[in-house]
């Protein structure tokens, strides 16, 4: 398994203040704005962690791809339930 497949950046939207400093920091262009907040394209993200150093609010962290997928599934379920 390559690093690209094993690590991903995730944004904690409850901490993120929408300053968007992370977008220009990503060497792969994996971060873009969706609904005024950063969204990380998992297919482009290398998990390098550069974006975590640019976030002044520490809202981005690097996690295993498995954890990133689980977090996304939990969020989708909560969204469906309106929570």
C-alpha atoms as a PDB file:
ATOM      1  CA  UNK A   1       0.000   0.000   0.000  1.00  0.00           C
ATOM      2  CA  UNK A   2       1.451   3.393  -0.950  1.00  0.00           C
ATOM      3  CA  UNK A   3       1.433   6.477   1.252  1.00  0.00           C
ATOM      4  CA  UNK A   4      -1.206   7.965  -1.039  1.00  0.00           C
ATOM      5  CA  UNK A   5      -3.493   5.054  -0.269  1.00  0.00           C
ATOM      6  CA  UNK A   6      -2.786   4.916   3.458  1.00  0.00           C
ATOM      7  CA  UNK A   7      -3.102   8.569   4.643  1.00  0.00           C
ATOM      8  CA  UNK A   8      -5.574  11.355   3.918  1.00  0.00           C
ATOM      9  CA  UNK A   9      -6.231  14.870   5.179  1.00  0.00           C
ATOM     10  CA  UNK A  10      -9.615  15.553   6.747  1.00  0.00           C
ATOM     11  CA  UNK A  11     -11.166  18.874   7.777  1.00  0.00           C
ATOM     12  CA  UNK A  12     -13.013  19.214  11.068  1.00  0.00           C
ATOM     13  CA  UNK A  13     -15.736  21.655   9.983  1.00  0.00           C
ATOM     14  CA  UNK A  14     -16.684  22.449  13.576  1.00  0.00           C
ATOM     15  CA  UNK A  15     -13.198  23.939  14.052  1.00  0.00           C
ATOM     16  CA  UNK A  16     -12.662  25.371  10.543  1.00  0.00           C
ATOM     17  CA  UNK A  17     -13.255  29.127  10.286  1.00  0.00           C
ATOM     18  CA  UNK A  18     -13.211  29.226   6.491  1.00  0.00           C
ATOM     19  CA  UNK A  19     -10.010  31.251   6.136  1.00  0.00           C
ATOM     20  CA  UNK A  20      -9.078  28.993   3.179  1.00  0.00           C
ATOM     21  CA  UNK A  21      -5.314  29.261   3.742  1.00  0.00           C
ATOM     22  CA  UNK A  22      -5.135  25.510   3.216  1.00  0.00           C
ATOM     23  CA  UNK A  23      -6.169  25.745  -0.438  1.00  0.00           C
ATOM     24  CA  UNK A  24      -3.030  27.454  -1.704  1.00  0.00           C
ATOM     25  CA  UNK A  25      -0.820  25.270   0.507  1.00  0.00           C
ATOM     26  CA  UNK A  26      -1.773  21.982  -1.181  1.00  0.00           C
ATOM     27  CA  UNK A  27       0.848  20.995  -3.773  1.00  0.00           C
ATOM     28  CA  UNK A  28      -1.610  18.614  -5.457  1.00  0.00           C
ATOM     29  CA  UNK A  29      -4.558  21.026  -5.676  1.00  0.00           C
ATOM     30  CA  UNK A  30      -6.631  18.570  -3.651  1.00  0.00           C
ATOM     31  CA  UNK A  31      -8.440  21.254  -1.621  1.00  0.00           C
ATOM     32  CA  UNK A  32     -11.217  23.378  -3.046  1.00  0.00           C
ATOM     33  CA  UNK A  33     -14.144  25.397  -1.741  1.00  0.00           C
ATOM     34  CA  UNK A  34     -17.555  23.779  -1.458  1.00  0.00           C
ATOM     35  CA  UNK A  35     -20.312  25.816   0.205  1.00  0.00           C
ATOM     36  CA  UNK A  36     -17.761  28.254   1.568  1.00  0.00           C
ATOM     37  CA  UNK A  37     -15.662  25.585   3.292  1.00  0.00           C
ATOM     38  CA  UNK A  38     -12.619  23.586   2.253  1.00  0.00           C
ATOM     39  CA  UNK A  39     -13.268  20.177   0.742  1.00  0.00           C
ATOM     40  CA  UNK A  40     -10.458  17.680   0.238  1.00  0.00           C
ATOM     41  CA  UNK A  41     -10.554  15.460  -2.837  1.00  0.00           C
ATOM     42  CA  UNK A  42      -9.420  12.086  -1.508  1.00  0.00           C
ATOM     43  CA  UNK A  43      -8.309  10.963  -4.958  1.00  0.00           C
ATOM     44  CA  UNK A  44      -5.842  13.861  -5.214  1.00  0.00           C
ATOM     45  CA  UNK A  45      -4.755  14.047  -1.562  1.00  0.00           C
ATOM     46  CA  UNK A  46      -1.327  12.506  -0.945  1.00  0.00           C
ATOM     47  CA  UNK A  47      -1.611  12.721   2.833  1.00  0.00           C
ATOM     48  CA  UNK A  48       1.591  14.798   2.949  1.00  0.00           C
ATOM     49  CA  UNK A  49       0.329  17.014   5.781  1.00  0.00           C
ATOM     50  CA  UNK A  50       1.430  20.349   4.328  1.00  0.00           C
ATOM     51  CA  UNK A  51      -2.096  21.733   4.691  1.00  0.00           C
ATOM     52  CA  UNK A  52      -2.091  20.930   8.418  1.00  0.00           C
ATOM     53  CA  UNK A  53       0.845  23.304   8.916  1.00  0.00           C
ATOM     54  CA  UNK A  54      -0.941  26.156   7.133  1.00  0.00           C
ATOM     55  CA  UNK A  55      -4.230  25.917   9.045  1.00  0.00           C
ATOM     56  CA  UNK A  56      -4.125  28.526  11.837  1.00  0.00           C
ATOM     57  CA  UNK A  57      -7.022  26.795  13.626  1.00  0.00           C
ATOM     58  CA  UNK A  58      -5.623  23.232  13.483  1.00  0.00           C
ATOM     59  CA  UNK A  59      -8.809  22.089  11.763  1.00  0.00           C
ATOM     60  CA  UNK A  60      -7.042  19.691   9.393  1.00  0.00           C
ATOM     61  CA  UNK A  61      -5.497  16.419  10.447  1.00  0.00           C
ATOM     62  CA  UNK A  62      -3.948  13.461   8.701  1.00  0.00           C
ATOM     63  CA  UNK A  63      -5.665  10.136   9.317  1.00  0.00           C
ATOM     64  CA  UNK A  64      -5.582   6.664   7.843  1.00  0.00           C
ATOM     65  CA  UNK A  65      -7.629   6.251   4.676  1.00  0.00           C
ATOM     66  CA  UNK A  66      -9.776   3.749   6.547  1.00  0.00           C
ATOM     67  CA  UNK A  67     -10.582   6.334   9.252  1.00  0.00           C
ATOM     68  CA  UNK A  68     -11.262   9.018   6.626  1.00  0.00           C
ATOM     69  CA  UNK A  69     -13.743   6.713   4.901  1.00  0.00           C
ATOM     70  CA  UNK A  70     -15.452   5.872   8.202  1.00  0.00           C
ATOM     71  CA  UNK A  71     -15.694   9.581   9.138  1.00  0.00           C
ATOM     72  CA  UNK A  72     -17.244  10.343   5.746  1.00  0.00           C
ATOM     73  CA  UNK A  73     -19.798   7.544   6.133  1.00  0.00           C
ATOM     74  CA  UNK A  74     -20.768   8.759   9.618  1.00  0.00           C
ATOM     75  CA  UNK A  75     -21.194  12.324   8.335  1.00  0.00           C
ATOM     76  CA  UNK A  76     -23.354  11.130   5.428  1.00  0.00           C
ATOM     77  CA  UNK A  77     -25.607   9.209   7.806  1.00  0.00           C
ATOM     78  CA  UNK A  78     -25.920  12.219  10.143  1.00  0.00           C
ATOM     79  CA  UNK A  79     -26.734  14.453   7.170  1.00  0.00           C
ATOM     80  CA  UNK A  80     -29.442  12.050   6.059  1.00  0.00           C
ATOM     81  CA  UNK A  81     -30.909  12.056   9.566  1.00  0.00           C
ATOM     82  CA  UNK A  82     -30.711  15.848   9.761  1.00  0.00           C
ATOM     83  CA  UNK A  83     -28.353  15.843  12.761  1.00  0.00           C
END
